[in-house]
């Protein structure tokens, strides 16, 4: 942002200098500036391995954008600034709209999302999948399975306006990269369009490490009860992954588990609400639906200021995914309403 302000300040000074310079055809100062003349130029934009954005204009000027902006030649700085804002690489963002997503109708946006994800995960330099406000219909799993990558972000404008309509029966966001460190998933609304099976999770990763999921809601847009299998599934039974934060997440109408942890360490779940089936017509032989399922070999799990309602079990601790015991679990300021059981330990 500072670089853009610096650029616009230079534009202002150029405009002021031009207005004070004598016109070749008149002794009076000119009221026009050269900035308007080159507005039709179309710069080409590329991004290098290090994440720098390179803008080349027909005037043979090159602008390198990283922490600073350096301009040379006779290109219009105003045209360059406009190109930066329009670029899908602006601020390291891979804007799904720039790859063909509409977000304005019931058309399938899956291919556009997959193209943006492919570009994002093709380099091991981080970046952001940016989802502007809109309704995006997704009919297949969105998999982040490119080269080993860190510091990737899946970011919407708001959990009320950036809406992913979950059409298919299966996982929606599948983070399968072996080094899923530094992930941030934030400010999106995931809404199912039909009931899902028990194995259908909104967000799944066996490799979350030093990552954050925050400011998300997973529930139907309408008041009709459309059930999902589960909200978030993190971890695997083979290798331990650490430092996951889940904050301000709201999950409703799930038939299986809201959040499942397997073989994790240092996980914090805070200010999160999980709501099950409203009629609570549960099988007496089942412990599901469950709010949070800590499924074995989990160390140092912190559950703070959370609420659970209309569930068979609020919190379930067992070793169904791993033979090692869960240890060092801390629960504080949580509320359980209309549940058959609050905490169940197997």
Protein backbone atom coordinates (compact mmCIF):
# COMPACT_ATOMS: atom_id res chain seq x y z
CA UNK A 1 0.00 0.00 0.00
CA UNK A 2 2.87 2.38 0.81
CA UNK A 3 4.36 1.68 -2.61
CA UNK A 4 1.10 2.57 -4.36
CA UNK A 5 0.82 5.81 -2.36
CA UNK A 6 4.41 6.63 -3.29
CA UNK A 7 3.61 5.97 -6.95
CA UNK A 8 0.52 8.18 -6.91
CA UNK A 9 2.50 10.96 -5.20
CA UNK A 10 4.97 10.87 -8.11
CA UNK A 11 2.03 11.06 -10.53
CA UNK A 12 0.80 14.18 -8.75
CA UNK A 13 4.23 15.83 -8.97
CA UNK A 14 4.52 15.00 -12.67
CA UNK A 15 1.08 16.47 -13.26
CA UNK A 16 2.01 19.62 -11.35
CA UNK A 17 5.29 19.98 -13.26
CA UNK A 18 3.51 19.56 -16.59
CA UNK A 19 0.90 22.18 -15.75
CA UNK A 20 3.61 24.73 -14.89
CA UNK A 21 5.72 24.10 -18.02
CA UNK A 22 5.15 26.40 -21.03
CA UNK A 23 3.26 24.86 -23.93
CA UNK A 24 5.14 24.76 -27.28
CA UNK A 25 2.14 26.31 -29.05
CA UNK A 26 1.20 28.96 -26.51
CA UNK A 27 2.81 31.28 -23.99
CA UNK A 28 0.16 30.38 -21.40
CA UNK A 29 0.56 27.32 -19.15
CA UNK A 30 -0.96 24.10 -20.50
CA UNK A 31 -3.87 22.54 -18.62
CA UNK A 32 -3.30 19.04 -20.05
CA UNK A 33 -0.78 16.45 -18.90
CA UNK A 34 1.07 13.61 -20.56
CA UNK A 35 -0.58 11.17 -18.15
CA UNK A 36 -3.78 11.17 -20.19
CA UNK A 37 -2.06 10.49 -23.50
CA UNK A 38 -0.68 7.06 -22.54
CA UNK A 39 -3.77 5.74 -20.73
CA UNK A 40 -4.46 3.37 -23.62
CA UNK A 41 -1.16 1.49 -23.16
CA UNK A 42 -1.56 -2.16 -22.18
CA UNK A 43 1.36 -3.36 -20.08
CA UNK A 44 2.26 -7.04 -19.96
CA UNK A 45 2.45 -8.54 -16.47
CA UNK A 46 4.47 -11.54 -15.28
CA UNK A 47 5.52 -12.90 -11.92
CA UNK A 48 8.97 -14.32 -11.26
CA UNK A 49 10.06 -17.17 -9.00
CA UNK A 50 10.57 -14.86 -6.04
CA UNK A 51 7.07 -13.40 -6.22
CA UNK A 52 8.11 -10.09 -7.79
CA UNK A 53 5.65 -8.70 -10.33
CA UNK A 54 7.26 -7.39 -13.53
CA UNK A 55 5.30 -4.93 -15.69
CA UNK A 56 6.61 -4.13 -19.17
CA UNK A 57 4.99 -1.32 -21.16
CA UNK A 58 5.19 -0.50 -24.89
CA UNK A 59 7.40 2.43 -23.90
CA UNK A 60 10.18 -0.02 -22.97
CA UNK A 61 9.82 0.80 -19.31
CA UNK A 62 9.94 -1.93 -16.73
CA UNK A 63 8.46 -1.65 -13.25
CA UNK A 64 9.49 -4.22 -10.62
CA UNK A 65 7.04 -4.60 -7.77
CA UNK A 66 8.09 -6.22 -4.52
CA UNK A 67 8.57 -4.03 -1.49
CA UNK A 68 9.29 -1.01 -3.67
CA UNK A 69 8.26 0.24 -7.10
CA UNK A 70 10.99 1.32 -9.52
CA UNK A 71 9.99 3.04 -12.77
CA UNK A 72 12.21 3.82 -15.74
CA UNK A 73 11.76 5.04 -19.31
CA UNK A 74 8.84 7.16 -20.48
CA UNK A 75 5.91 5.00 -19.28
CA UNK A 76 2.92 6.55 -17.57
CA UNK A 77 2.99 5.87 -13.85
CA UNK A 78 -0.78 6.19 -13.83
CA UNK A 79 -1.12 3.36 -16.36
CA UNK A 80 1.27 1.25 -14.32
CA UNK A 81 -0.73 1.83 -11.13
CA UNK A 82 -3.93 0.77 -12.90
CA UNK A 83 -2.22 -2.36 -14.21
CA UNK A 84 -1.07 -3.28 -10.72
CA UNK A 85 -4.59 -3.03 -9.32
CA UNK A 86 -6.07 -5.06 -12.19
CA UNK A 87 -3.45 -7.79 -12.06
CA UNK A 88 -4.35 -11.19 -10.55
CA UNK A 89 -0.93 -11.04 -8.84
CA UNK A 90 -1.69 -7.80 -6.97
CA UNK A 91 -0.47 -8.20 -3.39
CA UNK A 92 0.36 -11.81 -4.21
CA UNK A 93 -3.33 -12.61 -4.76
CA UNK A 94 -4.57 -15.18 -7.26
CA UNK A 95 -8.04 -13.78 -7.78
CA UNK A 96 -10.47 -16.53 -8.85
CA UNK A 97 -12.42 -13.97 -10.91
CA UNK A 98 -9.29 -13.30 -12.98
CA UNK A 99 -9.28 -17.01 -13.83
CA UNK A 100 -12.90 -17.04 -15.02
CA UNK A 101 -15.10 -17.43 -11.93
CA UNK A 102 -18.32 -15.41 -12.08
CA UNK A 103 -19.71 -15.60 -8.56
CA UNK A 104 -22.92 -13.98 -9.78
CA UNK A 105 -25.11 -16.84 -11.00
CA UNK A 106 -25.62 -20.58 -10.77
CA UNK A 107 -22.89 -21.43 -13.29
CA UNK A 108 -20.19 -23.89 -12.24
CA UNK A 109 -17.03 -22.08 -11.10
CA UNK A 110 -15.02 -25.23 -10.33
CA UNK A 111 -12.71 -24.99 -13.37
CA UNK A 112 -11.84 -21.37 -12.62
CA UNK A 113 -11.00 -22.21 -9.01
CA UNK A 114 -8.88 -25.17 -10.10
CA UNK A 115 -6.97 -22.99 -12.57
CA UNK A 116 -6.24 -20.38 -9.88
CA UNK A 117 -5.17 -23.10 -7.43
CA UNK A 118 -2.89 -24.69 -10.05
CA UNK A 119 -1.16 -21.35 -10.59
CA UNK A 120 -0.89 -20.77 -6.84
CA UNK A 121 0.54 -24.19 -6.00
CA UNK A 122 2.91 -24.42 -8.97
CA UNK A 123 5.59 -22.44 -7.12
CA UNK A 124 7.00 -22.97 -3.66
CA UNK A 125 6.73 -19.31 -2.67
CA UNK A 126 3.37 -18.93 -0.93
CA UNK A 127 0.54 -16.71 -2.07
CA UNK A 128 -3.19 -16.14 -1.67
CA UNK A 129 -6.22 -17.67 -3.33
CA UNK A 130 -8.51 -14.65 -3.18
CA UNK A 131 -12.29 -15.16 -3.31
CA UNK A 132 -14.13 -11.84 -3.71
CA UNK A 133 -17.71 -11.44 -2.51
CA UNK A 134 -20.11 -13.58 -4.54
CA UNK A 135 -21.81 -16.97 -4.86
CA UNK A 136 -19.50 -19.60 -6.32
CA UNK A 137 -20.84 -23.04 -7.27
CA UNK A 138 -18.25 -25.80 -6.72
CA UNK A 139 -19.05 -29.27 -8.07
CA UNK A 140 -15.81 -31.11 -7.30
CA UNK A 141 -13.10 -31.25 -4.66
CA UNK A 142 -10.65 -28.33 -4.69
CA UNK A 143 -7.28 -29.96 -4.03
CA UNK A 144 -4.12 -28.16 -2.97
CA UNK A 145 -1.68 -30.88 -4.00
CA UNK A 146 1.07 -29.11 -5.91
CA UNK A 147 4.74 -28.88 -4.95
CA UNK A 148 5.67 -28.62 -1.29
CA UNK A 149 4.48 -25.17 -0.31
CA UNK A 150 4.15 -22.99 2.74
CA UNK A 151 2.37 -19.79 3.70
CA UNK A 152 -0.63 -20.27 1.44
CA UNK A 153 -3.83 -18.37 2.17
CA UNK A 154 -7.42 -19.03 1.14
CA UNK A 155 -9.05 -15.69 1.77
CA UNK A 156 -12.51 -14.23 1.14
CA UNK A 157 -13.88 -10.75 1.73
CA UNK A 158 -16.12 -11.85 4.60
CA UNK A 159 -17.71 -15.01 5.97
CA UNK A 160 -21.04 -13.38 5.08
CA UNK A 161 -20.31 -12.42 1.47
CA UNK A 162 -17.72 -14.83 -0.03
CA UNK A 163 -19.91 -17.92 -0.41
CA UNK A 164 -18.83 -21.34 -1.69
CA UNK A 165 -21.87 -23.41 -2.66
CA UNK A 166 -20.85 -27.01 -1.98
CA UNK A 167 -22.61 -29.04 -4.69
CA UNK A 168 -20.91 -32.46 -4.76
CA UNK A 169 -20.84 -35.21 -2.14
CA UNK A 170 -17.22 -35.32 -1.00
CA UNK A 171 -14.52 -33.13 0.55
CA UNK A 172 -14.67 -29.47 -0.54
CA UNK A 173 -11.20 -28.08 0.36
CA UNK A 174 -8.57 -30.83 0.36
CA UNK A 175 -5.13 -29.74 1.58
CA UNK A 176 -2.95 -32.74 0.69
CA UNK A 177 0.48 -31.15 0.28
CA UNK A 178 3.12 -32.87 2.39
CA UNK A 179 4.29 -29.57 3.82
CA UNK A 180 1.11 -27.62 4.55
CA UNK A 181 2.82 -25.14 6.86
CA UNK A 182 1.58 -21.65 7.46
CA UNK A 183 -1.84 -22.10 5.87
CA UNK A 184 -4.53 -19.52 6.59
CA UNK A 185 -8.17 -20.17 5.65
CA UNK A 186 -10.32 -17.17 6.50
CA UNK A 187 -13.47 -15.16 5.76
CA UNK A 188 -15.52 -17.60 3.70
CA UNK A 189 -18.98 -19.14 3.98
CA UNK A 190 -19.28 -22.78 2.94
CA UNK A 191 -22.86 -23.81 2.29
CA UNK A 192 -24.05 -27.25 1.10
CA UNK A 193 -26.71 -27.45 -1.60
CA UNK A 194 -27.74 -31.02 -0.64
CA UNK A 195 -27.23 -33.50 2.21
CA UNK A 196 -23.73 -34.99 2.45
CA UNK A 197 -22.45 -38.42 3.45
CA UNK A 198 -20.54 -39.01 6.69
CA UNK A 199 -17.15 -38.85 4.92
CA UNK A 200 -17.83 -35.45 3.34
CA UNK A 201 -15.88 -32.75 5.16
CA UNK A 202 -15.85 -29.08 4.26
CA UNK A 203 -12.12 -28.76 5.04
CA UNK A 204 -9.69 -31.67 5.24
CA UNK A 205 -5.93 -31.90 5.64
CA UNK A 206 -3.76 -34.71 6.95
CA UNK A 207 -0.81 -32.31 7.10
CA UNK A 208 -1.91 -29.03 8.70
CA UNK A 209 1.14 -27.58 10.47
CA UNK A 210 1.43 -24.11 12.04
CA UNK A 211 -1.82 -23.14 10.36
CA UNK A 212 -4.97 -21.16 11.15
CA UNK A 213 -8.65 -21.55 10.26
CA UNK A 214 -10.69 -18.56 11.37
CA UNK A 215 -13.79 -16.46 10.68
CA UNK A 216 -15.63 -19.18 8.75
CA UNK A 217 -19.15 -20.52 8.83
CA UNK A 218 -20.21 -23.89 7.45
CA UNK A 219 -23.98 -24.13 7.16
CA UNK A 220 -26.88 -23.84 4.74
CA UNK A 221 -27.69 -20.36 3.45
CA UNK A 222 -31.43 -21.02 3.72
CA UNK A 223 -33.38 -22.07 6.79
CA UNK A 224 -33.82 -25.54 5.28
CA UNK A 225 -31.87 -28.20 7.18
CA UNK A 226 -29.21 -29.46 4.78
CA UNK A 227 -26.79 -31.72 6.61
CA UNK A 228 -23.07 -32.13 6.11
CA UNK A 229 -20.92 -35.09 7.14
CA UNK A 230 -18.36 -33.01 9.02
CA UNK A 231 -16.85 -29.57 9.22
CA UNK A 232 -13.05 -29.83 9.69
CA UNK A 233 -10.84 -32.94 9.73
CA UNK A 234 -7.16 -32.37 10.60
CA UNK A 235 -4.32 -34.85 11.07
CA UNK A 236 -3.42 -38.44 10.25
CA UNK A 237 -2.50 -41.60 12.15
CA UNK A 238 1.11 -41.76 10.92
CA UNK A 239 2.90 -38.47 11.59
CA UNK A 240 2.17 -35.74 14.13
CA UNK A 241 1.35 -32.20 13.04
CA UNK A 242 1.39 -29.24 15.34
CA UNK A 243 0.23 -25.71 16.03
CA UNK A 244 -3.23 -25.49 14.49
CA UNK A 245 -5.55 -22.66 15.53
CA UNK A 246 -9.30 -22.79 14.86
CA UNK A 247 -10.98 -19.53 15.86
CA UNK A 248 -14.44 -18.04 15.38
CA UNK A 249 -15.83 -20.90 13.31
CA UNK A 250 -19.56 -21.66 13.21
CA UNK A 251 -20.70 -25.12 12.02
CA UNK A 252 -24.38 -26.08 11.83
CA UNK A 253 -26.52 -29.05 10.76
CA UNK A 254 -23.76 -31.67 10.75
CA UNK A 255 -24.65 -35.34 10.98
CA UNK A 256 -21.26 -36.73 12.00
CA UNK A 257 -18.53 -34.51 13.53
CA UNK A 258 -17.99 -30.78 13.63
CA UNK A 259 -14.21 -30.87 14.16
CA UNK A 260 -12.03 -34.02 14.18
CA UNK A 261 -8.39 -34.09 15.33
CA UNK A 262 -6.04 -37.03 14.75
CA UNK A 263 -2.47 -37.26 16.07
CA UNK A 264 -2.06 -33.51 16.59
CA UNK A 265 -0.22 -31.36 19.10
CA UNK A 266 -0.71 -27.78 20.29
CA UNK A 267 -4.18 -27.27 18.81
CA UNK A 268 -6.31 -24.37 20.04
CA UNK A 269 -10.05 -24.22 19.31
CA UNK A 270 -11.66 -21.01 20.53
CA UNK A 271 -14.88 -19.00 20.14
CA UNK A 272 -16.37 -21.75 17.99
CA UNK A 273 -19.99 -22.97 17.93
CA UNK A 274 -21.20 -26.32 16.64
CA UNK A 275 -24.88 -27.13 16.12
CA UNK A 276 -26.19 -30.59 15.21
CA UNK A 277 -29.56 -31.84 14.05
CA UNK A 278 -32.34 -29.62 15.27
CA UNK A 279 -34.83 -32.44 15.95
CA UNK A 280 -32.19 -34.49 17.83
CA UNK A 281 -33.63 -37.77 16.52
CA UNK A 282 -30.52 -39.75 17.35
CA UNK A 283 -29.96 -43.47 17.33
CA UNK A 284 -29.57 -44.68 20.91
CA UNK A 285 -26.75 -46.95 19.75
CA UNK A 286 -24.68 -44.10 18.32
CA UNK A 287 -22.50 -41.40 19.86
CA UNK A 288 -22.89 -39.17 16.79
CA UNK A 289 -23.28 -36.39 15.93
CA UNK A 290 -20.30 -35.07 17.90
CA UNK A 291 -19.16 -31.48 18.34
CA UNK A 292 -15.39 -32.04 18.68
CA UNK A 293 -13.84 -35.49 18.24
CA UNK A 294 -10.29 -35.88 19.61
CA UNK A 295 -9.41 -39.16 17.96
CA UNK A 296 -6.17 -40.40 19.46
CA UNK A 297 -2.53 -39.43 20.17
CA UNK A 298 -3.44 -35.75 20.50
CA UNK A 299 -1.18 -33.73 22.79
CA UNK A 300 -1.96 -30.35 24.32
CA UNK A 301 -5.42 -29.61 22.98
CA UNK A 302 -6.93 -26.32 24.20
CA UNK A 303 -10.70 -25.84 23.85
CA UNK A 304 -11.82 -22.42 25.02
CA UNK A 305 -15.07 -20.44 24.97
CA UNK A 306 -16.97 -22.81 22.68
CA UNK A 307 -20.62 -23.85 22.55
CA UNK A 308 -22.32 -27.06 21.42
CA UNK A 309 -26.04 -27.66 20.91
CA UNK A 310 -28.43 -30.34 19.62
CA UNK A 311 -25.77 -33.04 19.53
CA UNK A 312 -25.53 -36.59 20.76
CA UNK A 313 -22.11 -35.80 22.29
CA UNK A 314 -20.50 -32.42 22.86
CA UNK A 315 -16.86 -33.58 23.21
CA UNK A 316 -15.63 -37.08 22.38
CA UNK A 317 -12.17 -38.37 23.38
CA UNK A 318 -11.15 -41.80 22.11
CA UNK A 319 -8.38 -43.67 20.31
CA UNK A 320 -10.27 -44.85 17.26
CA UNK A 321 -7.65 -43.46 14.85
CA UNK A 322 -4.53 -44.17 16.90
CA UNK A 323 -3.69 -46.57 19.72
CA UNK A 324 -1.85 -43.90 21.72
CA UNK A 325 -3.77 -42.01 24.38
CA UNK A 326 -4.84 -38.38 24.21
CA UNK A 327 -2.98 -36.35 26.84
CA UNK A 328 -2.95 -32.82 28.24
CA UNK A 329 -6.35 -31.56 27.15
CA UNK A 330 -7.59 -28.28 28.61
CA UNK A 331 -11.25 -27.20 28.44
CA UNK A 332 -12.50 -23.86 29.73
CA UNK A 333 -15.61 -21.64 29.47
CA UNK A 334 -17.53 -24.01 27.19
CA UNK A 335 -21.31 -24.44 27.05
CA UNK A 336 -23.32 -27.56 26.14
CA UNK A 337 -27.06 -27.23 25.42
CA UNK A 338 -29.63 -29.86 24.39
CA UNK A 339 -27.03 -32.62 24.06
CA UNK A 340 -27.50 -36.21 25.23
CA UNK A 341 -23.95 -36.12 26.64
CA UNK A 342 -21.50 -33.34 27.37
CA UNK A 343 -18.12 -35.12 27.45
CA UNK A 344 -17.68 -38.76 26.45
CA UNK A 345 -14.33 -40.54 27.06
CA UNK A 346 -13.71 -43.97 25.52
